[in-house]
Amino acid sequence: MDASYSPWTSVLALGLVLALIVGLGWLLRRLRLPMSRTGLPMRTVGALSLGARERLVVVEIGTQWHVLGVTAGAISSIATLARPEADITDNGTPAPNFMAQLSALLNRAPNGKE
């Protein structure tokens, strides 16, 4: 056995490898790289738990939203909707026209009288 070998060398090397794995996972999550091999612009818009193993999931593919029923044994397509581009921007915030609509509502007189 080599006299310069120390068990701490192995522990340090293992810690370095684990830190590298965690760091790369964090980086991939931050960059939100597409995980699809098909190249489709696909993302999960939202999900709603209906029970222990049942969920409704809304997936955006291109310009459409697909509502899917997900159970332990199957995935079923429930509906296909057009993406509501007028209401929400890409980062999930309300579109700028929301402020104009809110201002118009606040400036209106009560009971519809001006």
PDB file of N, CA and C in Angstrom:
ATOM      1  N   MET A   1       0.842  -1.178   0.000  1.00  0.00           N
ATOM      2  CA  MET A   1       0.000   0.000   0.000  1.00  0.00           C
ATOM      3  C   MET A   1       0.886   1.241   0.000  1.00  0.00           C
ATOM      4  N   ASP A   2       0.457   2.245  -0.745  1.00  0.00           N
ATOM      5  CA  ASP A   2       1.226   3.489  -0.857  1.00  0.00           C
ATOM      6  C   ASP A   2       1.145   4.273   0.451  1.00  0.00           C
ATOM      7  N   ALA A   3       2.241   4.835   0.876  1.00  0.00           N
ATOM      8  CA  ALA A   3       2.297   5.560   2.136  1.00  0.00           C
ATOM      9  C   ALA A   3       1.543   6.879   2.056  1.00  0.00           C
ATOM     10  N   SER A   4       1.342   7.440   0.852  1.00  0.00           N
ATOM     11  CA  SER A   4       0.655   8.722   0.712  1.00  0.00           C
ATOM     12  C   SER A   4      -0.858   8.570   0.621  1.00  0.00           C
ATOM     13  N   TYR A   5      -1.367   7.325   0.604  1.00  0.00           N
ATOM     14  CA  TYR A   5      -2.810   7.104   0.514  1.00  0.00           C
ATOM     15  C   TYR A   5      -3.465   7.414   1.853  1.00  0.00           C
ATOM     16  N   SER A   6      -4.599   8.089   1.765  1.00  0.00           N
ATOM     17  CA  SER A   6      -5.366   8.404   2.963  1.00  0.00           C
ATOM     18  C   SER A   6      -6.844   8.187   2.647  1.00  0.00           C
ATOM     19  N   PRO A   7      -7.618   7.679   3.599  1.00  0.00           N
ATOM     20  CA  PRO A   7      -9.056   7.518   3.354  1.00  0.00           C
ATOM     21  C   PRO A   7      -9.734   8.862   3.080  1.00  0.00           C
ATOM     22  N   TRP A   8      -9.155   9.945   3.564  1.00  0.00           N
ATOM     23  CA  TRP A   8      -9.733  11.257   3.326  1.00  0.00           C
ATOM     24  C   TRP A   8      -9.649  11.651   1.862  1.00  0.00           C
ATOM     25  N   THR A   9      -8.707  11.103   1.132  1.00  0.00           N
ATOM     26  CA  THR A   9      -8.608  11.369  -0.300  1.00  0.00           C
ATOM     27  C   THR A   9      -9.833  10.816  -1.018  1.00  0.00           C
ATOM     28  N   SER A  10     -10.245   9.606  -0.639  1.00  0.00           N
ATOM     29  CA  SER A  10     -11.429   9.001  -1.247  1.00  0.00           C
ATOM     30  C   SER A  10     -12.692   9.771  -0.872  1.00  0.00           C
ATOM     31  N   VAL A  11     -12.790  10.185   0.397  1.00  0.00           N
ATOM     32  CA  VAL A  11     -13.962  10.944   0.843  1.00  0.00           C
ATOM     33  C   VAL A  11     -14.035  12.280   0.110  1.00  0.00           C
ATOM     34  N   LEU A  12     -12.909  12.936  -0.044  1.00  0.00           N
ATOM     35  CA  LEU A  12     -12.875  14.210  -0.753  1.00  0.00           C
ATOM     36  C   LEU A  12     -13.260  14.035  -2.222  1.00  0.00           C
ATOM     37  N   ALA A  13     -12.759  12.982  -2.869  1.00  0.00           N
ATOM     38  CA  ALA A  13     -13.097  12.723  -4.268  1.00  0.00           C
ATOM     39  C   ALA A  13     -14.591  12.417  -4.414  1.00  0.00           C
ATOM     40  N   LEU A  14     -15.163  11.630  -3.500  1.00  0.00           N
ATOM     41  CA  LEU A  14     -16.591  11.314  -3.548  1.00  0.00           C
ATOM     42  C   LEU A  14     -17.418  12.587  -3.345  1.00  0.00           C
ATOM     43  N   GLY A  15     -17.019  13.421  -2.418  1.00  0.00           N
ATOM     44  CA  GLY A  15     -17.725  14.683  -2.187  1.00  0.00           C
ATOM     45  C   GLY A  15     -17.674  15.591  -3.407  1.00  0.00           C
ATOM     46  N   LEU A  16     -16.536  15.620  -4.085  1.00  0.00           N
ATOM     47  CA  LEU A  16     -16.399  16.426  -5.292  1.00  0.00           C
ATOM     48  C   LEU A  16     -17.313  15.930  -6.403  1.00  0.00           C
ATOM     49  N   VAL A  17     -17.391  14.621  -6.578  1.00  0.00           N
ATOM     50  CA  VAL A  17     -18.261  14.042  -7.609  1.00  0.00           C
ATOM     51  C   VAL A  17     -19.730  14.337  -7.282  1.00  0.00           C
ATOM     52  N   LEU A  18     -20.125  14.173  -6.012  1.00  0.00           N
ATOM     53  CA  LEU A  18     -21.515  14.457  -5.639  1.00  0.00           C
ATOM     54  C   LEU A  18     -21.852  15.937  -5.823  1.00  0.00           C
ATOM     55  N   ALA A  19     -20.931  16.822  -5.473  1.00  0.00           N
ATOM     56  CA  ALA A  19     -21.154  18.251  -5.664  1.00  0.00           C
ATOM     57  C   ALA A  19     -21.294  18.582  -7.151  1.00  0.00           C
ATOM     58  N   LEU A  20     -20.516  17.919  -7.994  1.00  0.00           N
ATOM     59  CA  LEU A  20     -20.604  18.134  -9.442  1.00  0.00           C
ATOM     60  C   LEU A  20     -21.956  17.690  -9.977  1.00  0.00           C
ATOM     61  N   ILE A  21     -22.459  16.555  -9.502  1.00  0.00           N
ATOM     62  CA  ILE A  21     -23.768  16.064  -9.948  1.00  0.00           C
ATOM     63  C   ILE A  21     -24.873  17.023  -9.529  1.00  0.00           C
ATOM     64  N   VAL A  22     -24.848  17.467  -8.271  1.00  0.00           N
ATOM     65  CA  VAL A  22     -25.866  18.405  -7.785  1.00  0.00           C
ATOM     66  C   VAL A  22     -25.774  19.727  -8.537  1.00  0.00           C
ATOM     67  N   GLY A  23     -24.574  20.210  -8.778  1.00  0.00           N
ATOM     68  CA  GLY A  23     -24.396  21.472  -9.490  1.00  0.00           C
ATOM     69  C   GLY A  23     -24.902  21.412 -10.919  1.00  0.00           C
ATOM     70  N   LEU A  24     -24.634  20.319 -11.611  1.00  0.00           N
ATOM     71  CA  LEU A  24     -25.136  20.185 -12.982  1.00  0.00           C
ATOM     72  C   LEU A  24     -26.650  20.078 -13.013  1.00  0.00           C
ATOM     73  N   GLY A  25     -27.236  19.370 -12.036  1.00  0.00           N
ATOM     74  CA  GLY A  25     -28.696  19.288 -11.957  1.00  0.00           C
ATOM     75  C   GLY A  25     -29.323  20.650 -11.741  1.00  0.00           C
ATOM     76  N   TRP A  26     -28.727  21.446 -10.847  1.00  0.00           N
ATOM     77  CA  TRP A  26     -29.230  22.790 -10.590  1.00  0.00           C
ATOM     78  C   TRP A  26     -29.119  23.651 -11.849  1.00  0.00           C
ATOM     79  N   LEU A  27     -27.981  23.544 -12.548  1.00  0.00           N
ATOM     80  CA  LEU A  27     -27.763  24.329 -13.759  1.00  0.00           C
ATOM     81  C   LEU A  27     -28.773  23.966 -14.847  1.00  0.00           C
ATOM     82  N   LEU A  28     -29.022  22.680 -15.054  1.00  0.00           N
ATOM     83  CA  LEU A  28     -29.998  22.259 -16.058  1.00  0.00           C
ATOM     84  C   LEU A  28     -31.394  22.751 -15.702  1.00  0.00           C
ATOM     85  N   ARG A  29     -31.714  22.756 -14.426  1.00  0.00           N
ATOM     86  CA  ARG A  29     -33.033  23.224 -14.013  1.00  0.00           C
ATOM     87  C   ARG A  29     -33.161  24.732 -14.213  1.00  0.00           C
ATOM     88  N   ARG A  30     -32.114  25.473 -13.929  1.00  0.00           N
ATOM     89  CA  ARG A  30     -32.133  26.929 -14.114  1.00  0.00           C
ATOM     90  C   ARG A  30     -32.230  27.311 -15.584  1.00  0.00           C
ATOM     91  N   LEU A  31     -31.547  26.572 -16.448  1.00  0.00           N
ATOM     92  CA  LEU A  31     -31.563  26.893 -17.873  1.00  0.00           C
ATOM     93  C   LEU A  31     -32.836  26.428 -18.549  1.00  0.00           C
ATOM     94  N   ARG A  32     -33.563  25.526 -17.905  1.00  0.00           N
ATOM     95  CA  ARG A  32     -34.799  24.964 -18.455  1.00  0.00           C
ATOM     96  C   ARG A  32     -34.612  24.482 -19.889  1.00  0.00           C
ATOM     97  N   LEU A  33     -33.601  23.697 -20.071  1.00  0.00           N
ATOM     98  CA  LEU A  33     -33.349  23.140 -21.388  1.00  0.00           C
ATOM     99  C   LEU A  33     -34.451  22.161 -21.747  1.00  0.00           C
ATOM    100  N   PRO A  34     -34.864  22.115 -23.009  1.00  0.00           N
ATOM    101  CA  PRO A  34     -35.918  21.175 -23.390  1.00  0.00           C
ATOM    102  C   PRO A  34     -35.442  19.740 -23.198  1.00  0.00           C
ATOM    103  N   MET A  35     -36.258  18.959 -22.504  1.00  0.00           N
ATOM    104  CA  MET A  35     -35.907  17.572 -22.242  1.00  0.00           C
ATOM    105  C   MET A  35     -36.482  16.635 -23.311  1.00  0.00           C
ATOM    106  N   SER A  36     -37.242  17.184 -24.224  1.00  0.00           N
ATOM    107  CA  SER A  36     -37.878  16.380 -25.255  1.00  0.00           C
ATOM    108  C   SER A  36     -36.912  16.131 -26.403  1.00  0.00           C
ATOM    109  N   ARG A  37     -36.825  14.892 -26.824  1.00  0.00           N
ATOM    110  CA  ARG A  37     -35.969  14.559 -27.965  1.00  0.00           C
ATOM    111  C   ARG A  37     -36.646  14.890 -29.294  1.00  0.00           C
ATOM    112  N   THR A  38     -37.955  15.125 -29.257  1.00  0.00           N
ATOM    113  CA  THR A  38     -38.673  15.417 -30.489  1.00  0.00           C
ATOM    114  C   THR A  38     -38.483  16.857 -30.938  1.00  0.00           C
ATOM    115  N   GLY A  39     -38.022  17.713 -30.060  1.00  0.00           N
ATOM    116  CA  GLY A  39     -37.816  19.109 -30.412  1.00  0.00           C
ATOM    117  C   GLY A  39     -39.074  19.950 -30.327  1.00  0.00           C
ATOM    118  N   LEU A  40     -40.162  19.389 -29.797  1.00  0.00           N
ATOM    119  CA  LEU A  40     -41.397  20.152 -29.658  1.00  0.00           C
ATOM    120  C   LEU A  40     -41.272  21.141 -28.510  1.00  0.00           C
ATOM    121  N   PRO A  41     -41.796  22.344 -28.697  1.00  0.00           N
ATOM    122  CA  PRO A  41     -41.812  23.288 -27.580  1.00  0.00           C
ATOM    123  C   PRO A  41     -42.907  22.876 -26.597  1.00  0.00           C
ATOM    124  N   MET A  42     -42.545  22.127 -25.568  1.00  0.00           N
ATOM    125  CA  MET A  42     -43.519  21.534 -24.668  1.00  0.00           C
ATOM    126  C   MET A  42     -43.202  21.950 -23.233  1.00  0.00           C
ATOM    127  N   ARG A  43     -44.269  22.315 -22.476  1.00  0.00           N
ATOM    128  CA  ARG A  43     -44.074  22.620 -21.065  1.00  0.00           C
ATOM    129  C   ARG A  43     -45.369  22.342 -20.312  1.00  0.00           C
ATOM    130  N   THR A  44     -45.233  22.083 -19.026  1.00  0.00           N
ATOM    131  CA  THR A  44     -46.388  21.856 -18.174  1.00  0.00           C
ATOM    132  C   THR A  44     -46.889  23.206 -17.674  1.00  0.00           C
ATOM    133  N   VAL A  45     -48.147  23.508 -17.947  1.00  0.00           N
ATOM    134  CA  VAL A  45     -48.740  24.769 -17.525  1.00  0.00           C
ATOM    135  C   VAL A  45     -49.209  24.675 -16.082  1.00  0.00           C
ATOM    136  N   GLY A  46     -49.837  23.552 -15.737  1.00  0.00           N
ATOM    137  CA  GLY A  46     -50.333  23.383 -14.372  1.00  0.00           C
ATOM    138  C   GLY A  46     -50.852  21.982 -14.150  1.00  0.00           C
ATOM    139  N   ALA A  47     -51.088  21.650 -12.892  1.00  0.00           N
ATOM    140  CA  ALA A  47     -51.604  20.338 -12.531  1.00  0.00           C
ATOM    141  C   ALA A  47     -52.523  20.483 -11.326  1.00  0.00           C
ATOM    142  N   LEU A  48     -53.531  19.634 -11.262  1.00  0.00           N
ATOM    143  CA  LEU A  48     -54.484  19.636 -10.161  1.00  0.00           C
ATOM    144  C   LEU A  48     -54.661  18.211  -9.682  1.00  0.00           C
ATOM    145  N   SER A  49     -54.407  17.980  -8.405  1.00  0.00           N
ATOM    146  CA  SER A  49     -54.554  16.644  -7.838  1.00  0.00           C
ATOM    147  C   SER A  49     -56.032  16.383  -7.567  1.00  0.00           C
ATOM    148  N   LEU A  50     -56.521  15.254  -8.056  1.00  0.00           N
ATOM    149  CA  LEU A  50     -57.919  14.885  -7.858  1.00  0.00           C
ATOM    150  C   LEU A  50     -58.080  13.795  -6.814  1.00  0.00           C
ATOM    151  N   GLY A  51     -57.010  13.130  -6.491  1.00  0.00           N
ATOM    152  CA  GLY A  51     -57.041  12.043  -5.528  1.00  0.00           C
ATOM    153  C   GLY A  51     -55.628  11.581  -5.249  1.00  0.00           C
ATOM    154  N   ALA A  52     -55.506  10.409  -4.670  1.00  0.00           N
ATOM    155  CA  ALA A  52     -54.186   9.896  -4.320  1.00  0.00           C
ATOM    156  C   ALA A  52     -53.327   9.639  -5.554  1.00  0.00           C
ATOM    157  N   ARG A  53     -53.942   9.177  -6.630  1.00  0.00           N
ATOM    158  CA  ARG A  53     -53.167   8.840  -7.835  1.00  0.00           C
ATOM    159  C   ARG A  53     -53.774   9.405  -9.113  1.00  0.00           C
ATOM    160  N   GLU A  54     -54.653  10.358  -8.984  1.00  0.00           N
ATOM    161  CA  GLU A  54     -55.290  10.958 -10.161  1.00  0.00           C
ATOM    162  C   GLU A  54     -54.990  12.448 -10.202  1.00  0.00           C
ATOM    163  N   ARG A  55     -54.686  12.924 -11.419  1.00  0.00           N
ATOM    164  CA  ARG A  55     -54.393  14.354 -11.611  1.00  0.00           C
ATOM    165  C   ARG A  55     -54.934  14.818 -12.944  1.00  0.00           C
ATOM    166  N   LEU A  56     -55.238  16.093 -13.010  1.00  0.00           N
ATOM    167  CA  LEU A  56     -55.487  16.772 -14.275  1.00  0.00           C
ATOM    168  C   LEU A  56     -54.244  17.598 -14.564  1.00  0.00           C
ATOM    169  N   VAL A  57     -53.713  17.492 -15.769  1.00  0.00           N
ATOM    170  CA  VAL A  57     -52.497  18.191 -16.143  1.00  0.00           C
ATOM    171  C   VAL A  57     -52.765  18.969 -17.420  1.00  0.00           C
ATOM    172  N   VAL A  58     -52.316  20.216 -17.454  1.00  0.00           N
ATOM    173  CA  VAL A  58     -52.417  21.035 -18.661  1.00  0.00           C
ATOM    174  C   VAL A  58     -51.010  21.173 -19.231  1.00  0.00           C
ATOM    175  N   VAL A  59     -50.831  20.697 -20.466  1.00  0.00           N
ATOM    176  CA  VAL A  59     -49.535  20.716 -21.131  1.00  0.00           C
ATOM    177  C   VAL A  59     -49.636  21.617 -22.349  1.00  0.00           C
ATOM    178  N   GLU A  60     -48.683  22.521 -22.499  1.00  0.00           N
ATOM    179  CA  GLU A  60     -48.653  23.400 -23.665  1.00  0.00           C
ATOM    180  C   GLU A  60     -47.741  22.788 -24.717  1.00  0.00           C
ATOM    181  N   ILE A  61     -48.288  22.554 -25.890  1.00  0.00           N
ATOM    182  CA  ILE A  61     -47.512  22.055 -27.020  1.00  0.00           C
ATOM    183  C   ILE A  61     -47.769  23.018 -28.170  1.00  0.00           C
ATOM    184  N   GLY A  62     -46.748  23.775 -28.520  1.00  0.00           N
ATOM    185  CA  GLY A  62     -46.903  24.777 -29.580  1.00  0.00           C
ATOM    186  C   GLY A  62     -47.856  25.859 -29.132  1.00  0.00           C
ATOM    187  N   THR A  63     -48.937  26.031 -29.869  1.00  0.00           N
ATOM    188  CA  THR A  63     -49.916  27.076 -29.552  1.00  0.00           C
ATOM    189  C   THR A  63     -51.185  26.506 -28.937  1.00  0.00           C
ATOM    190  N   GLN A  64     -51.144  25.253 -28.502  1.00  0.00           N
ATOM    191  CA  GLN A  64     -52.331  24.624 -27.932  1.00  0.00           C
ATOM    192  C   GLN A  64     -52.058  24.129 -26.519  1.00  0.00           C
ATOM    193  N   TRP A  65     -53.107  24.126 -25.709  1.00  0.00           N
ATOM    194  CA  TRP A  65     -53.062  23.537 -24.380  1.00  0.00           C
ATOM    195  C   TRP A  65     -53.830  22.223 -24.436  1.00  0.00           C
ATOM    196  N   HIS A  66     -53.226  21.171 -23.932  1.00  0.00           N
ATOM    197  CA  HIS A  66     -53.850  19.855 -23.881  1.00  0.00           C
ATOM    198  C   HIS A  66     -54.154  19.530 -22.426  1.00  0.00           C
ATOM    199  N   VAL A  67     -55.424  19.236 -22.130  1.00  0.00           N
ATOM    200  CA  VAL A  67     -55.829  18.848 -20.790  1.00  0.00           C
ATOM    201  C   VAL A  67     -55.800  17.325 -20.743  1.00  0.00           C
ATOM    202  N   LEU A  68     -55.000  16.790 -19.824  1.00  0.00           N
ATOM    203  CA  LEU A  68     -54.800  15.346 -19.737  1.00  0.00           C
ATOM    204  C   LEU A  68     -55.246  14.838 -18.378  1.00  0.00           C
ATOM    205  N   GLY A  69     -55.865  13.679 -18.365  1.00  0.00           N
ATOM    206  CA  GLY A  69     -56.183  12.983 -17.136  1.00  0.00           C
ATOM    207  C   GLY A  69     -55.108  11.939 -16.905  1.00  0.00           C
ATOM    208  N   VAL A  70     -54.438  12.012 -15.771  1.00  0.00           N
ATOM    209  CA  VAL A  70     -53.324  11.112 -15.483  1.00  0.00           C
ATOM    210  C   VAL A  70     -53.691  10.268 -14.281  1.00  0.00           C
ATOM    211  N   THR A  71     -53.661   8.939 -14.460  1.00  0.00           N
ATOM    212  CA  THR A  71     -53.877   8.001 -13.366  1.00  0.00           C
ATOM    213  C   THR A  71     -52.658   7.093 -13.265  1.00  0.00           C
ATOM    214  N   ALA A  72     -52.687   6.179 -12.324  1.00  0.00           N
ATOM    215  CA  ALA A  72     -51.553   5.277 -12.145  1.00  0.00           C
ATOM    216  C   ALA A  72     -51.361   4.369 -13.360  1.00  0.00           C
ATOM    217  N   GLY A  73     -52.441   4.084 -14.075  1.00  0.00           N
ATOM    218  CA  GLY A  73     -52.333   3.142 -15.181  1.00  0.00           C
ATOM    219  C   GLY A  73     -52.470   3.724 -16.570  1.00  0.00           C
ATOM    220  N   ALA A  74     -52.875   4.984 -16.708  1.00  0.00           N
ATOM    221  CA  ALA A  74     -53.126   5.524 -18.047  1.00  0.00           C
ATOM    222  C   ALA A  74     -53.068   7.043 -18.060  1.00  0.00           C
ATOM    223  N   ILE A  75     -52.909   7.572 -19.272  1.00  0.00           N
ATOM    224  CA  ILE A  75     -52.995   9.009 -19.531  1.00  0.00           C
ATOM    225  C   ILE A  75     -54.040   9.194 -20.619  1.00  0.00           C
ATOM    226  N   SER A  76     -55.070  10.007 -20.331  1.00  0.00           N
ATOM    227  CA  SER A  76     -56.164  10.209 -21.283  1.00  0.00           C
ATOM    228  C   SER A  76     -56.256  11.674 -21.663  1.00  0.00           C
ATOM    229  N   SER A  77     -56.458  11.929 -22.940  1.00  0.00           N
ATOM    230  CA  SER A  77     -56.657  13.291 -23.416  1.00  0.00           C
ATOM    231  C   SER A  77     -58.104  13.682 -23.162  1.00  0.00           C
ATOM    232  N   ILE A  78     -58.305  14.796 -22.480  1.00  0.00           N
ATOM    233  CA  ILE A  78     -59.653  15.240 -22.141  1.00  0.00           C
ATOM    234  C   ILE A  78     -60.107  16.356 -23.069  1.00  0.00           C
ATOM    235  N   ALA A  79     -59.231  17.318 -23.332  1.00  0.00           N
ATOM    236  CA  ALA A  79     -59.611  18.452 -24.183  1.00  0.00           C
ATOM    237  C   ALA A  79     -58.373  19.086 -24.779  1.00  0.00           C
ATOM    238  N   THR A  80     -58.573  19.790 -25.885  1.00  0.00           N
ATOM    239  CA  THR A  80     -57.522  20.581 -26.516  1.00  0.00           C
ATOM    240  C   THR A  80     -58.039  22.001 -26.646  1.00  0.00           C
ATOM    241  N   LEU A  81     -57.274  22.961 -26.119  1.00  0.00           N
ATOM    242  CA  LEU A  81     -57.694  24.358 -26.104  1.00  0.00           C
ATOM    243  C   LEU A  81     -56.657  25.213 -26.806  1.00  0.00           C
ATOM    244  N   ALA A  82     -57.082  26.344 -27.341  1.00  0.00           N
ATOM    245  CA  ALA A  82     -56.141  27.308 -27.890  1.00  0.00           C
ATOM    246  C   ALA A  82     -55.443  28.004 -26.735  1.00  0.00           C
ATOM    247  N   ARG A  83     -54.172  28.304 -26.894  1.00  0.00           N
ATOM    248  CA  ARG A  83     -53.406  28.983 -25.849  1.00  0.00           C
ATOM    249  C   ARG A  83     -53.951  30.395 -25.678  1.00  0.00           C
ATOM    250  N   PRO A  84     -54.311  30.794 -24.461  1.00  0.00           N
ATOM    251  CA  PRO A  84     -54.850  32.139 -24.242  1.00  0.00           C
ATOM    252  C   PRO A  84     -53.736  33.174 -24.177  1.00  0.00           C
ATOM    253  N   GLU A  85     -53.241  33.594 -25.331  1.00  0.00           N
ATOM    254  CA  GLU A  85     -52.110  34.513 -25.400  1.00  0.00           C
ATOM    255  C   GLU A  85     -52.471  35.922 -24.942  1.00  0.00           C
ATOM    256  N   ALA A  86     -53.724  36.292 -25.028  1.00  0.00           N
ATOM    257  CA  ALA A  86     -54.111  37.658 -24.687  1.00  0.00           C
ATOM    258  C   ALA A  86     -54.051  37.918 -23.190  1.00  0.00           C
ATOM    259  N   ASP A  87     -54.173  36.882 -22.368  1.00  0.00           N
ATOM    260  CA  ASP A  87     -54.263  37.084 -20.927  1.00  0.00           C
ATOM    261  C   ASP A  87     -52.934  36.970 -20.199  1.00  0.00           C
ATOM    262  N   ILE A  88     -52.018  36.127 -20.678  1.00  0.00           N
ATOM    263  CA  ILE A  88     -50.799  35.840 -19.929  1.00  0.00           C
ATOM    264  C   ILE A  88     -49.590  35.934 -20.850  1.00  0.00           C
ATOM    265  N   THR A  89     -48.528  36.557 -20.347  1.00  0.00           N
ATOM    266  CA  THR A  89     -47.288  36.636 -21.108  1.00  0.00           C
ATOM    267  C   THR A  89     -46.471  35.368 -20.872  1.00  0.00           C
ATOM    268  N   ASP A  90     -45.308  35.257 -21.536  1.00  0.00           N
ATOM    269  CA  ASP A  90     -44.488  34.059 -21.424  1.00  0.00           C
ATOM    270  C   ASP A  90     -43.962  33.812 -20.019  1.00  0.00           C
ATOM    271  N   ASN A  91     -43.747  34.858 -19.236  1.00  0.00           N
ATOM    272  CA  ASN A  91     -43.226  34.652 -17.893  1.00  0.00           C
ATOM    273  C   ASN A  91     -44.332  34.466 -16.860  1.00  0.00           C
ATOM    274  N   GLY A  92     -45.590  34.335 -17.284  1.00  0.00           N
ATOM    275  CA  GLY A  92     -46.688  34.041 -16.378  1.00  0.00           C
ATOM    276  C   GLY A  92     -47.343  35.245 -15.740  1.00  0.00           C
ATOM    277  N   THR A  93     -46.944  36.455 -16.113  1.00  0.00           N
ATOM    278  CA  THR A  93     -47.547  37.655 -15.550  1.00  0.00           C
ATOM    279  C   THR A  93     -48.688  38.129 -16.457  1.00  0.00           C
ATOM    280  N   PRO A  94     -49.628  38.873 -15.905  1.00  0.00           N
ATOM    281  CA  PRO A  94     -50.715  39.384 -16.749  1.00  0.00           C
ATOM    282  C   PRO A  94     -50.185  40.288 -17.850  1.00  0.00           C
ATOM    283  N   ALA A  95     -50.845  40.234 -18.985  1.00  0.00           N
ATOM    284  CA  ALA A  95     -50.448  41.049 -20.126  1.00  0.00           C
ATOM    285  C   ALA A  95     -50.655  42.532 -19.799  1.00  0.00           C
ATOM    286  N   PRO A  96     -49.944  43.435 -20.491  1.00  0.00           N
ATOM    287  CA  PRO A  96     -50.049  44.864 -20.193  1.00  0.00           C
ATOM    288  C   PRO A  96     -51.454  45.430 -20.309  1.00  0.00           C
ATOM    289  N   ASN A  97     -52.308  44.868 -21.139  1.00  0.00           N
ATOM    290  CA  ASN A  97     -53.648  45.425 -21.297  1.00  0.00           C
ATOM    291  C   ASN A  97     -54.494  45.243 -20.046  1.00  0.00           C
ATOM    292  N   PHE A  98     -54.040  44.454 -19.089  1.00  0.00           N
ATOM    293  CA  PHE A  98     -54.759  44.284 -17.835  1.00  0.00           C
ATOM    294  C   PHE A  98     -54.867  45.616 -17.097  1.00  0.00           C
ATOM    295  N   MET A  99     -53.783  46.376 -17.095  1.00  0.00           N
ATOM    296  CA  MET A  99     -53.795  47.670 -16.405  1.00  0.00           C
ATOM    297  C   MET A  99     -54.800  48.623 -17.051  1.00  0.00           C
ATOM    298  N   ALA A 100     -54.895  48.602 -18.360  1.00  0.00           N
ATOM    299  CA  ALA A 100     -55.855  49.467 -19.046  1.00  0.00           C
ATOM    300  C   ALA A 100     -57.287  49.069 -18.696  1.00  0.00           C
ATOM    301  N   GLN A 101     -57.543  47.781 -18.628  1.00  0.00           N
ATOM    302  CA  GLN A 101     -58.878  47.315 -18.270  1.00  0.00           C
ATOM    303  C   GLN A 101     -59.213  47.668 -16.827  1.00  0.00           C
ATOM    304  N   LEU A 102     -58.245  47.526 -15.919  1.00  0.00           N
ATOM    305  CA  LEU A 102     -58.473  47.863 -14.527  1.00  0.00           C
ATOM    306  C   LEU A 102     -58.723  49.356 -14.359  1.00  0.00           C
ATOM    307  N   SER A 103     -57.953  50.177 -15.051  1.00  0.00           N
ATOM    308  CA  SER A 103     -58.148  51.626 -14.981  1.00  0.00           C
ATOM    309  C   SER A 103     -59.528  52.016 -15.487  1.00  0.00           C
ATOM    310  N   ALA A 104     -59.974  51.397 -16.552  1.00  0.00           N
ATOM    311  CA  ALA A 104     -61.299  51.703 -17.094  1.00  0.00           C
ATOM    312  C   ALA A 104     -62.386  51.326 -16.098  1.00  0.00           C
ATOM    313  N   LEU A 105     -62.226  50.209 -15.413  1.00  0.00           N
ATOM    314  CA  LEU A 105     -63.222  49.808 -14.418  1.00  0.00           C
ATOM    315  C   LEU A 105     -63.221  50.749 -13.220  1.00  0.00           C
ATOM    316  N   LEU A 106     -62.057  51.182 -12.789  1.00  0.00           N
ATOM    317  CA  LEU A 106     -61.978  52.063 -11.628  1.00  0.00           C
ATOM    318  C   LEU A 106     -62.476  53.470 -11.935  1.00  0.00           C
ATOM    319  N   ASN A 107     -62.322  53.915 -13.181  1.00  0.00           N
ATOM    320  CA  ASN A 107     -62.749  55.258 -13.563  1.00  0.00           C
ATOM    321  C   ASN A 107     -64.236  55.355 -13.867  1.00  0.00           C
ATOM    322  N   ARG A 108     -64.880  54.212 -14.022  1.00  0.00           N
ATOM    323  CA  ARG A 108     -66.327  54.236 -14.269  1.00  0.00           C
ATOM    324  C   ARG A 108     -67.074  54.670 -13.025  1.00  0.00           C
ATOM    325  N   ALA A 109     -68.136  55.400 -13.247  1.00  0.00           N
ATOM    326  CA  ALA A 109     -68.965  55.857 -12.115  1.00  0.00           C
ATOM    327  C   ALA A 109     -69.766  54.685 -11.563  1.00  0.00           C
ATOM    328  N   PRO A 110     -70.162  54.726 -10.288  1.00  0.00           N
ATOM    329  CA  PRO A 110     -70.964  53.651  -9.716  1.00  0.00           C
ATOM    330  C   PRO A 110     -72.312  53.523 -10.427  1.00  0.00           C
ATOM    331  N   ASN A 111     -72.864  52.339 -10.450  1.00  0.00           N
ATOM    332  CA  ASN A 111     -74.158  52.009 -11.051  1.00  0.00           C
ATOM    333  C   ASN A 111     -74.226  52.303 -12.538  1.00  0.00           C
ATOM    334  N   GLY A 112     -73.081  52.385 -13.215  1.00  0.00           N
ATOM    335  CA  GLY A 112     -73.071  52.575 -14.644  1.00  0.00           C
ATOM    336  C   GLY A 112     -73.343  54.002 -15.072  1.00  0.00           C
ATOM    337  N   LYS A 113     -73.479  54.955 -14.146  1.00  0.00           N
ATOM    338  CA  LYS A 113     -73.743  56.361 -14.495  1.00  0.00           C
ATOM    339  C   LYS A 113     -72.437  57.106 -14.604  1.00  0.00           C
ATOM    340  N   GLU A 114     -72.359  58.012 -15.539  1.00  0.00           N
ATOM    341  CA  GLU A 114     -71.128  58.784 -15.717  1.00  0.00           C
ATOM    342  C   GLU A 114     -71.310  60.211 -15.314  1.00  0.00           C
TER     343      GLU A 114
END
